[in-house]
N, C-alpha and C. Protein backbone atom coordinates (compact mmCIF):
# COMPACT_ATOMS: atom_id res chain seq x y z
N MET A 1 109.96 71.44 7.79
CA MET A 1 111.23 71.45 7.15
C MET A 1 112.35 70.95 8.13
N LEU A 2 112.23 71.43 9.33
CA LEU A 2 113.28 71.01 10.32
C LEU A 2 113.14 69.42 10.53
N ALA A 3 111.82 68.89 10.41
CA ALA A 3 111.56 67.58 10.60
C ALA A 3 112.30 66.78 9.48
N VAL A 4 112.41 67.25 8.33
CA VAL A 4 113.11 66.62 7.13
C VAL A 4 114.50 66.45 7.58
N VAL A 5 115.15 67.56 8.05
CA VAL A 5 116.58 67.56 8.31
C VAL A 5 116.85 66.53 9.49
N ILE A 6 116.04 66.66 10.48
CA ILE A 6 116.24 65.68 11.76
C ILE A 6 115.98 64.26 11.25
N GLY A 7 114.88 64.06 10.46
CA GLY A 7 114.65 62.67 10.04
C GLY A 7 115.72 62.05 9.31
N SER A 8 116.24 62.81 8.35
CA SER A 8 117.38 62.23 7.49
C SER A 8 118.59 61.98 8.32
N THR A 9 118.86 62.90 9.33
CA THR A 9 120.03 62.69 10.22
C THR A 9 119.81 61.36 11.13
N LEU A 10 118.72 61.25 11.61
CA LEU A 10 118.27 60.02 12.41
C LEU A 10 118.42 58.78 11.50
N LEU A 11 117.91 58.78 10.30
CA LEU A 11 118.14 57.66 9.39
C LEU A 11 119.53 57.31 9.16
N HIS A 12 120.35 58.40 9.01
CA HIS A 12 121.78 58.17 8.67
C HIS A 12 122.33 57.67 9.99
N LEU A 13 122.13 58.18 11.08
CA LEU A 13 122.83 57.77 12.32
C LEU A 13 122.29 56.33 12.78
N GLY A 14 121.01 56.09 12.37
CA GLY A 14 120.44 54.84 12.86
C GLY A 14 120.97 53.59 12.12
N GLY A 15 121.64 53.80 11.06
CA GLY A 15 122.29 52.73 10.29
C GLY A 15 121.35 51.98 9.40
N CYS A 16 120.32 52.50 8.92
CA CYS A 16 119.45 51.90 7.89
C CYS A 16 120.26 51.71 6.69
N SER A 17 120.24 50.50 6.11
CA SER A 17 121.09 50.18 5.00
C SER A 17 120.16 49.54 3.80
N VAL A 18 120.60 49.70 2.68
CA VAL A 18 119.85 48.95 1.52
C VAL A 18 120.88 48.39 0.68
N GLN A 19 120.47 47.56 -0.31
CA GLN A 19 121.32 46.88 -1.27
C GLN A 19 121.14 47.64 -2.63
N VAL A 20 122.25 48.19 -3.10
CA VAL A 20 122.26 48.92 -4.51
C VAL A 20 123.26 48.20 -5.25
N ALA A 21 122.84 47.57 -6.39
CA ALA A 21 123.70 46.85 -7.31
C ALA A 21 124.48 45.79 -6.61
N GLY A 22 123.84 45.10 -5.63
CA GLY A 22 124.39 44.03 -4.88
C GLY A 22 125.36 44.44 -3.79
N LYS A 23 125.47 45.77 -3.49
CA LYS A 23 126.40 46.15 -2.57
C LYS A 23 125.61 46.92 -1.38
N PRO A 24 125.92 46.65 -0.10
CA PRO A 24 125.17 47.42 0.96
C PRO A 24 125.66 48.83 1.01
N ARG A 25 124.83 49.73 1.35
CA ARG A 25 125.14 51.09 1.46
C ARG A 25 124.03 51.70 2.37
N PRO A 26 124.43 52.80 3.07
CA PRO A 26 123.29 53.56 3.93
C PRO A 26 122.10 54.07 3.12
N LEU A 27 120.95 54.06 3.55
CA LEU A 27 119.82 54.54 2.92
C LEU A 27 119.93 55.96 2.68
N VAL A 28 120.38 56.73 3.65
CA VAL A 28 120.73 58.12 3.55
C VAL A 28 122.22 58.38 3.74
N ARG A 29 122.90 58.89 2.68
CA ARG A 29 124.36 59.19 2.72
C ARG A 29 124.56 60.72 2.95
N MET A 30 125.24 61.06 3.97
CA MET A 30 125.40 62.42 4.25
C MET A 30 126.98 62.74 4.36
N GLU A 31 127.31 63.82 3.70
CA GLU A 31 128.67 64.34 3.84
C GLU A 31 128.88 64.97 5.15
N ARG A 32 130.13 65.32 5.44
CA ARG A 32 130.36 65.87 6.76
C ARG A 32 129.64 67.30 6.80
N ILE A 33 129.36 67.72 7.96
CA ILE A 33 128.67 69.03 8.22
C ILE A 33 129.75 70.06 8.15
N GLY A 34 129.51 71.06 7.35
CA GLY A 34 130.38 72.23 7.17
C GLY A 34 129.73 73.47 7.69
N GLY A 35 130.55 74.29 8.09
CA GLY A 35 130.01 75.67 8.52
C GLY A 35 130.73 76.80 8.15
N GLU A 36 130.04 77.97 8.17
CA GLU A 36 130.78 79.18 7.86
C GLU A 36 130.08 80.31 8.77
N LEU A 37 130.87 81.33 8.99
CA LEU A 37 130.42 82.46 9.88
C LEU A 37 130.45 83.66 8.92
N GLU A 38 129.38 84.34 8.77
CA GLU A 38 129.26 85.44 7.95
C GLU A 38 129.04 86.74 8.77
N LEU A 39 129.80 87.70 8.72
CA LEU A 39 129.66 89.02 9.47
C LEU A 39 129.39 90.06 8.32
N SER A 40 128.44 90.87 8.50
CA SER A 40 128.25 91.92 7.65
C SER A 40 127.82 93.20 8.35
N MET A 41 128.21 94.40 7.71
CA MET A 41 127.80 95.71 8.35
C MET A 41 127.46 96.62 7.21
N GLU A 42 126.28 97.24 7.32
CA GLU A 42 125.88 98.13 6.31
C GLU A 42 125.55 99.44 7.03
N GLU A 43 125.91 100.53 6.29
CA GLU A 43 125.53 101.86 6.88
C GLU A 43 124.89 102.64 5.80
N TYR A 44 123.73 103.22 6.08
CA TYR A 44 122.99 104.04 5.09
C TYR A 44 122.97 105.43 5.68
N THR A 45 123.30 106.40 4.76
CA THR A 45 123.24 107.82 5.04
C THR A 45 122.28 108.46 4.10
N ASP A 46 121.35 109.16 4.55
CA ASP A 46 120.35 109.94 3.71
C ASP A 46 120.36 111.28 4.07
N GLU A 47 120.83 112.10 3.19
CA GLU A 47 120.87 113.57 3.55
C GLU A 47 119.90 114.32 2.48
N SER A 48 119.17 115.18 3.08
CA SER A 48 118.28 115.93 2.28
C SER A 48 118.14 117.48 2.67
N THR A 49 117.98 118.34 1.76
CA THR A 49 117.77 119.76 2.07
C THR A 49 116.53 120.20 1.31
N SER A 50 115.69 120.82 2.10
CA SER A 50 114.53 121.40 1.49
C SER A 50 114.12 122.63 2.15
N SER A 51 113.85 123.73 1.40
CA SER A 51 113.51 125.07 1.88
C SER A 51 114.44 125.51 2.91
N GLY A 52 115.78 125.30 2.66
CA GLY A 52 116.79 125.69 3.66
C GLY A 52 116.96 124.87 4.90
N THR A 53 116.21 123.87 5.00
CA THR A 53 116.29 122.96 6.16
C THR A 53 117.06 121.72 5.68
N SER A 54 118.06 121.24 6.53
CA SER A 54 118.90 120.08 6.20
C SER A 54 118.47 119.02 7.16
N ARG A 55 118.51 117.78 6.70
CA ARG A 55 118.22 116.67 7.46
C ARG A 55 119.19 115.57 7.12
N LYS A 56 119.68 114.79 8.13
CA LYS A 56 120.59 113.71 7.91
C LYS A 56 120.15 112.50 8.77
N ASP A 57 119.93 111.41 8.06
CA ASP A 57 119.39 110.14 8.71
C ASP A 57 120.55 109.10 8.42
N VAL A 58 120.99 108.41 9.52
CA VAL A 58 122.01 107.42 9.42
C VAL A 58 121.46 106.10 10.11
N SER A 59 121.51 105.04 9.37
CA SER A 59 121.16 103.76 9.85
C SER A 59 122.40 102.81 9.73
N THR A 60 122.54 102.10 10.79
CA THR A 60 123.69 100.99 10.77
C THR A 60 123.14 99.60 11.13
N ILE A 61 123.46 98.71 10.31
CA ILE A 61 122.99 97.35 10.48
C ILE A 61 124.22 96.47 10.57
N PHE A 62 124.20 95.59 11.62
CA PHE A 62 125.28 94.71 11.87
C PHE A 62 124.66 93.29 12.00
N GLU A 63 125.10 92.27 11.18
CA GLU A 63 124.59 90.98 11.29
C GLU A 63 125.75 90.02 11.38
N GLU A 64 125.54 88.96 12.17
CA GLU A 64 126.47 87.80 12.32
C GLU A 64 125.70 86.55 12.14
N GLU A 65 125.94 85.70 11.24
CA GLU A 65 125.29 84.38 11.03
C GLU A 65 126.21 83.28 10.95
N LEU A 66 125.79 82.29 11.73
CA LEU A 66 126.49 80.94 11.61
C LEU A 66 125.67 79.98 10.84
N ARG A 67 126.12 79.49 9.67
CA ARG A 67 125.53 78.56 8.84
C ARG A 67 126.14 77.11 8.97
N LEU A 68 125.27 76.11 9.12
CA LEU A 68 125.74 74.75 9.10
C LEU A 68 125.02 74.07 7.92
N GLU A 69 125.72 73.40 7.17
CA GLU A 69 125.13 72.70 6.08
C GLU A 69 125.73 71.40 5.75
N THR A 70 124.96 70.52 5.11
CA THR A 70 125.44 69.25 4.60
C THR A 70 124.72 68.87 3.41
N GLN A 71 125.32 67.96 2.65
CA GLN A 71 124.64 67.39 1.47
C GLN A 71 124.84 65.97 1.39
N GLY A 72 124.01 65.32 0.53
CA GLY A 72 124.15 63.89 0.42
C GLY A 72 123.06 63.38 -0.56
N ASP A 73 122.86 62.02 -0.40
CA ASP A 73 121.85 61.40 -1.34
C ASP A 73 121.01 60.35 -0.56
N VAL A 74 119.90 60.03 -1.17
CA VAL A 74 118.97 59.01 -0.58
C VAL A 74 119.04 57.84 -1.48
N TYR A 75 119.21 56.66 -1.19
CA TYR A 75 119.29 55.51 -1.82
C TYR A 75 120.36 55.40 -2.97
N HIS A 76 120.50 56.40 -3.77
CA HIS A 76 121.52 56.42 -4.80
C HIS A 76 121.50 57.83 -5.28
N PRO A 77 122.77 58.35 -5.73
CA PRO A 77 122.79 59.70 -6.26
C PRO A 77 122.01 59.95 -7.46
N ASN A 78 121.61 58.94 -8.22
CA ASN A 78 120.82 59.09 -9.46
C ASN A 78 119.48 59.07 -9.11
N LEU A 79 118.97 58.85 -7.80
CA LEU A 79 117.60 58.90 -7.31
C LEU A 79 117.29 60.29 -6.78
N MET A 80 117.98 60.65 -5.78
CA MET A 80 117.77 61.94 -5.09
C MET A 80 118.99 62.44 -4.43
N THR A 81 119.29 63.65 -4.56
CA THR A 81 120.34 64.36 -3.80
C THR A 81 119.74 65.52 -3.04
N TYR A 82 120.41 65.96 -1.98
CA TYR A 82 119.82 66.97 -1.13
C TYR A 82 121.05 67.91 -0.58
N LEU A 83 120.55 69.10 -0.26
CA LEU A 83 121.41 70.00 0.47
C LEU A 83 120.63 70.53 1.58
N ALA A 84 120.98 70.47 2.83
CA ALA A 84 120.20 70.96 3.94
C ALA A 84 121.06 72.02 4.74
N MET A 85 120.46 73.14 5.18
CA MET A 85 121.18 74.14 5.80
C MET A 85 120.33 74.72 6.86
N ILE A 86 121.01 75.15 8.03
CA ILE A 86 120.40 75.86 9.13
C ILE A 86 121.39 76.99 9.39
N GLY A 87 120.74 78.30 9.56
CA GLY A 87 121.48 79.39 9.90
C GLY A 87 120.95 80.00 11.21
N LEU A 88 121.83 80.42 12.09
CA LEU A 88 121.44 81.05 13.30
C LEU A 88 122.27 82.37 13.40
N GLY A 89 121.51 83.50 13.73
CA GLY A 89 122.19 84.79 13.67
C GLY A 89 121.71 85.76 14.56
N LEU A 90 122.37 86.84 14.66
CA LEU A 90 122.13 88.11 15.48
C LEU A 90 122.13 89.18 14.69
N LYS A 91 121.10 90.08 14.78
CA LYS A 91 121.01 91.37 14.00
C LYS A 91 120.90 92.44 14.98
N GLN A 92 121.76 93.51 14.80
CA GLN A 92 121.67 94.67 15.49
C GLN A 92 121.53 95.90 14.61
N GLU A 93 120.56 96.82 15.00
CA GLU A 93 120.35 97.93 14.02
C GLU A 93 120.31 99.16 14.94
N SER A 94 120.83 100.28 14.53
CA SER A 94 120.76 101.47 15.16
C SER A 94 120.48 102.64 14.14
N PHE A 95 119.81 103.65 14.59
CA PHE A 95 119.57 104.81 13.63
C PHE A 95 119.65 106.06 14.40
N ASP A 96 119.94 107.05 13.73
CA ASP A 96 119.96 108.47 14.14
C ASP A 96 119.31 109.38 13.12
N SER A 97 118.21 109.98 13.60
CA SER A 97 117.36 110.76 12.60
C SER A 97 116.96 112.06 13.30
N ALA A 98 117.56 113.20 12.89
CA ALA A 98 117.22 114.51 13.38
C ALA A 98 117.17 114.55 14.78
N GLY A 99 118.31 114.13 15.44
CA GLY A 99 118.43 114.14 16.86
C GLY A 99 117.72 113.02 17.58
N GLU A 100 116.89 112.31 16.99
CA GLU A 100 116.35 111.10 17.63
C GLU A 100 117.12 109.99 17.24
N SER A 101 117.32 109.06 18.19
CA SER A 101 118.10 107.83 18.01
C SER A 101 117.49 106.63 18.61
N GLY A 102 117.88 105.49 18.22
CA GLY A 102 117.37 104.28 18.75
C GLY A 102 118.11 103.03 18.26
N SER A 103 117.89 101.95 18.83
CA SER A 103 118.54 100.74 18.36
C SER A 103 117.72 99.58 18.82
N THR A 104 117.80 98.53 17.99
CA THR A 104 117.18 97.23 18.33
C THR A 104 118.16 96.11 18.07
N SER A 105 117.92 94.96 18.61
CA SER A 105 118.63 93.74 18.37
C SER A 105 117.77 92.51 18.46
N GLY A 106 118.12 91.54 17.86
CA GLY A 106 117.29 90.31 17.93
C GLY A 106 118.01 89.19 17.17
N ASN A 107 117.42 87.97 17.28
CA ASN A 107 118.10 86.87 16.59
C ASN A 107 117.25 86.52 15.39
N PHE A 108 117.76 85.72 14.53
CA PHE A 108 116.97 85.18 13.39
C PHE A 108 117.58 83.79 13.14
N THR A 109 116.62 82.93 12.46
CA THR A 109 117.02 81.62 12.14
C THR A 109 116.45 81.47 10.66
N THR A 110 117.29 80.55 9.94
CA THR A 110 116.99 80.34 8.58
C THR A 110 117.08 78.78 8.43
N TYR A 111 116.14 78.13 7.80
CA TYR A 111 116.24 76.71 7.50
C TYR A 111 116.01 76.57 5.92
N GLN A 112 116.73 75.64 5.39
CA GLN A 112 116.62 75.49 3.75
C GLN A 112 116.96 74.06 3.47
N VAL A 113 116.15 73.54 2.64
CA VAL A 113 116.43 72.15 2.07
C VAL A 113 116.06 72.15 0.60
N ASN A 114 117.05 71.78 -0.11
CA ASN A 114 116.93 71.59 -1.61
C ASN A 114 117.09 70.10 -2.06
N MET A 115 116.13 69.63 -2.73
CA MET A 115 116.12 68.27 -3.05
C MET A 115 116.02 68.07 -4.62
N ASN A 116 116.92 67.31 -5.24
CA ASN A 116 116.90 67.07 -6.65
C ASN A 116 116.71 65.55 -6.93
N PHE A 117 115.71 65.39 -7.76
CA PHE A 117 115.23 63.92 -8.09
C PHE A 117 115.47 63.63 -9.46
N LEU A 118 115.99 62.38 -9.66
CA LEU A 118 116.26 61.85 -11.00
C LEU A 118 117.09 62.73 -11.88
N PRO A 119 118.31 63.12 -11.50
CA PRO A 119 119.08 64.11 -12.24
C PRO A 119 119.60 63.62 -13.62
N LEU A 120 119.73 62.32 -13.84
CA LEU A 120 120.12 61.88 -15.22
C LEU A 120 119.15 61.53 -16.11
N LYS A 121 117.84 61.70 -15.67
CA LYS A 121 116.65 61.30 -16.55
C LYS A 121 116.32 62.58 -17.45
N PRO A 122 115.63 62.42 -18.49
CA PRO A 122 115.26 63.59 -19.33
C PRO A 122 114.18 64.38 -18.62
N TYR A 123 113.64 63.91 -17.48
CA TYR A 123 112.55 64.80 -16.74
C TYR A 123 112.94 64.95 -15.31
N PRO A 124 114.14 65.56 -14.97
CA PRO A 124 114.50 65.80 -13.50
C PRO A 124 113.61 66.81 -12.92
N PHE A 125 113.34 66.73 -11.65
CA PHE A 125 112.73 67.82 -10.99
C PHE A 125 113.33 68.05 -9.56
N SER A 126 112.95 69.22 -8.99
CA SER A 126 113.56 69.61 -7.70
C SER A 126 112.44 70.26 -6.91
N ILE A 127 112.72 70.17 -5.57
CA ILE A 127 111.85 70.89 -4.56
C ILE A 127 112.82 71.57 -3.70
N ASN A 128 112.43 72.85 -3.35
CA ASN A 128 113.19 73.79 -2.54
C ASN A 128 112.27 74.24 -1.44
N LEU A 129 112.60 74.16 -0.19
CA LEU A 129 111.85 74.54 0.95
C LEU A 129 112.70 75.41 1.80
N SER A 130 112.15 76.58 2.26
CA SER A 130 112.92 77.44 3.11
C SER A 130 111.96 78.18 4.12
N GLN A 131 112.51 78.47 5.21
CA GLN A 131 111.79 79.23 6.34
C GLN A 131 112.81 80.21 7.01
N THR A 132 112.36 81.41 7.21
CA THR A 132 113.13 82.34 8.00
C THR A 132 112.37 83.06 8.95
N ASP A 133 112.89 83.10 10.29
CA ASP A 133 112.14 83.86 11.30
C ASP A 133 113.13 85.02 11.70
N ALA A 134 112.74 86.29 11.54
CA ALA A 134 113.75 87.34 11.88
C ALA A 134 112.95 88.49 12.61
N LEU A 135 113.85 89.31 13.25
CA LEU A 135 113.34 90.49 13.89
C LEU A 135 113.69 91.64 13.10
N SER A 136 112.74 92.49 12.61
CA SER A 136 112.95 93.67 11.82
C SER A 136 112.66 94.81 12.62
N SER A 137 113.60 95.81 12.72
CA SER A 137 113.43 96.99 13.48
C SER A 137 112.63 98.05 12.66
N ARG A 138 111.93 98.82 13.33
CA ARG A 138 111.15 100.03 12.72
C ARG A 138 111.43 101.20 13.50
N ARG A 139 111.67 102.28 12.73
CA ARG A 139 111.98 103.62 13.44
C ARG A 139 110.86 104.00 14.30
N PHE A 140 111.12 104.34 15.57
CA PHE A 140 110.18 104.91 16.56
C PHE A 140 108.96 103.91 16.80
N LEU A 141 109.07 102.67 16.40
CA LEU A 141 108.03 101.67 16.73
C LEU A 141 108.68 100.47 17.28
N SER A 142 107.95 99.63 17.92
CA SER A 142 108.45 98.36 18.50
C SER A 142 108.95 97.44 17.25
N PRO A 143 109.87 96.53 17.49
CA PRO A 143 110.37 95.71 16.36
C PRO A 143 109.26 94.72 15.93
N LEU A 144 109.34 94.26 14.70
CA LEU A 144 108.39 93.42 14.15
C LEU A 144 109.02 92.04 13.87
N ARG A 145 108.43 90.95 14.35
CA ARG A 145 108.83 89.68 14.04
C ARG A 145 108.22 89.21 12.74
N VAL A 146 109.06 88.83 11.82
CA VAL A 146 108.70 88.34 10.52
C VAL A 146 108.98 86.88 10.31
N SER A 147 108.01 86.08 9.88
CA SER A 147 108.22 84.73 9.62
C SER A 147 107.92 84.47 8.08
N SER A 148 108.82 83.99 7.36
CA SER A 148 108.61 83.78 5.89
C SER A 148 108.79 82.26 5.63
N THR A 149 107.94 81.73 4.88
CA THR A 149 108.06 80.31 4.51
C THR A 149 107.74 80.31 2.89
N SER A 150 108.68 79.48 2.32
CA SER A 150 108.45 79.36 0.85
C SER A 150 108.74 77.89 0.45
N ALA A 151 108.05 77.53 -0.70
CA ALA A 151 108.21 76.24 -1.20
C ALA A 151 108.17 76.37 -2.76
N ALA A 152 109.02 75.72 -3.47
CA ALA A 152 109.02 75.79 -4.92
C ALA A 152 109.38 74.45 -5.45
N ALA A 153 108.72 74.16 -6.55
CA ALA A 153 108.98 72.99 -7.29
C ALA A 153 109.24 73.19 -8.77
N ALA A 154 110.20 72.64 -9.30
CA ALA A 154 110.58 72.87 -10.67
C ALA A 154 110.71 71.48 -11.43
N MET A 155 110.26 71.47 -12.65
CA MET A 155 110.41 70.20 -13.46
C MET A 155 110.93 70.60 -14.77
N ARG A 156 111.91 69.96 -15.27
CA ARG A 156 112.53 70.20 -16.56
C ARG A 156 112.25 69.09 -17.50
N LEU A 157 112.32 69.36 -18.75
CA LEU A 157 112.04 68.39 -19.76
C LEU A 157 113.31 68.58 -20.69
N LYS A 158 114.24 67.53 -20.73
CA LYS A 158 115.43 67.65 -21.58
C LYS A 158 115.23 66.63 -22.73
N ILE A 159 115.14 67.05 -23.83
CA ILE A 159 115.04 66.19 -25.01
C ILE A 159 116.34 66.37 -25.71
N PRO A 160 117.10 65.20 -25.94
CA PRO A 160 118.45 65.30 -26.49
C PRO A 160 118.59 65.91 -27.84
N ASP A 161 117.54 65.80 -28.72
CA ASP A 161 117.74 66.41 -30.09
C ASP A 161 117.31 67.83 -30.12
N TRP A 162 116.72 68.41 -29.03
CA TRP A 162 116.27 69.71 -29.04
C TRP A 162 117.42 70.66 -28.55
N PRO A 163 117.61 71.92 -29.12
CA PRO A 163 118.53 72.84 -28.65
C PRO A 163 118.06 73.62 -27.41
N MET A 164 116.90 73.27 -26.84
CA MET A 164 116.43 73.92 -25.63
C MET A 164 115.92 73.03 -24.58
N MET A 165 115.54 73.48 -23.37
CA MET A 165 115.00 72.70 -22.36
C MET A 165 113.70 73.37 -21.92
N LEU A 166 112.72 72.65 -21.60
CA LEU A 166 111.44 73.12 -21.08
C LEU A 166 111.47 73.07 -19.61
N ASN A 167 111.00 74.16 -18.96
CA ASN A 167 110.97 74.28 -17.53
C ASN A 167 109.69 74.70 -17.08
N GLN A 168 109.14 74.14 -15.95
CA GLN A 168 107.97 74.53 -15.38
C GLN A 168 108.19 74.72 -13.85
N THR A 169 107.92 75.88 -13.32
CA THR A 169 108.24 76.17 -11.91
C THR A 169 106.93 76.59 -11.15
N ARG A 170 106.72 76.12 -9.97
CA ARG A 170 105.55 76.50 -9.15
C ARG A 170 106.11 76.99 -7.81
N CYS A 171 105.72 78.15 -7.37
CA CYS A 171 106.18 78.74 -6.14
C CYS A 171 105.08 79.06 -5.15
N LEU A 172 105.21 78.71 -3.89
CA LEU A 172 104.28 79.16 -2.88
C LEU A 172 105.06 79.88 -1.82
N ALA A 173 104.63 81.05 -1.45
CA ALA A 173 105.25 81.74 -0.25
C ALA A 173 104.30 82.44 0.63
N LYS A 174 104.68 82.43 1.88
CA LYS A 174 103.70 82.98 2.98
C LYS A 174 104.63 83.70 3.98
N THR A 175 104.13 84.95 4.28
CA THR A 175 104.80 85.83 5.32
C THR A 175 103.85 86.10 6.38
N LYS A 176 104.37 86.02 7.62
CA LYS A 176 103.48 86.34 8.75
C LYS A 176 104.23 87.37 9.62
N LEU A 177 103.42 88.42 9.93
CA LEU A 177 104.05 89.52 10.69
C LEU A 177 103.40 89.44 12.12
N ASN A 178 104.24 89.63 13.20
CA ASN A 178 103.74 89.74 14.53
C ASN A 178 104.20 91.04 15.14
N CYS A 179 103.40 91.86 15.61
CA CYS A 179 103.84 93.11 16.26
C CYS A 179 104.22 92.85 17.72
């Protein structure tokens, strides 16, 4: 997936051009790269009382993620449009449970590419690819490295005289855990 993003960037920067309706244009057109920074904090408190014994568990999760994304088209907007995103982040988690406490921190990365083909035709289809690599903390155990990869393809059939649209979607997902 990273190869798709890098390949399209190289084609864009390399100056490959084509003739569309008699006018030259770049083979891969890319809008400017935009970014956003997302900060989130979650705190979970779990209190329980059983047989006169009280227990309070507190978990705090802090995440900061920088996302860079761009969109554009290949050859012509009526042939293929795309949205490419990369996210880099830091996750910190702490917990306090019955006098025991601990914390973990680690980084995570996210890659995502969405491609839409033939949007004006009665049979448009799209392909979505994503990959996430994150560190997930576990209470009283070492952190777990989780890698998730997913791919989905969807095809729609739009018939102008019908009041509905037919849609077929196929998804593949794989998760790998490393202790």
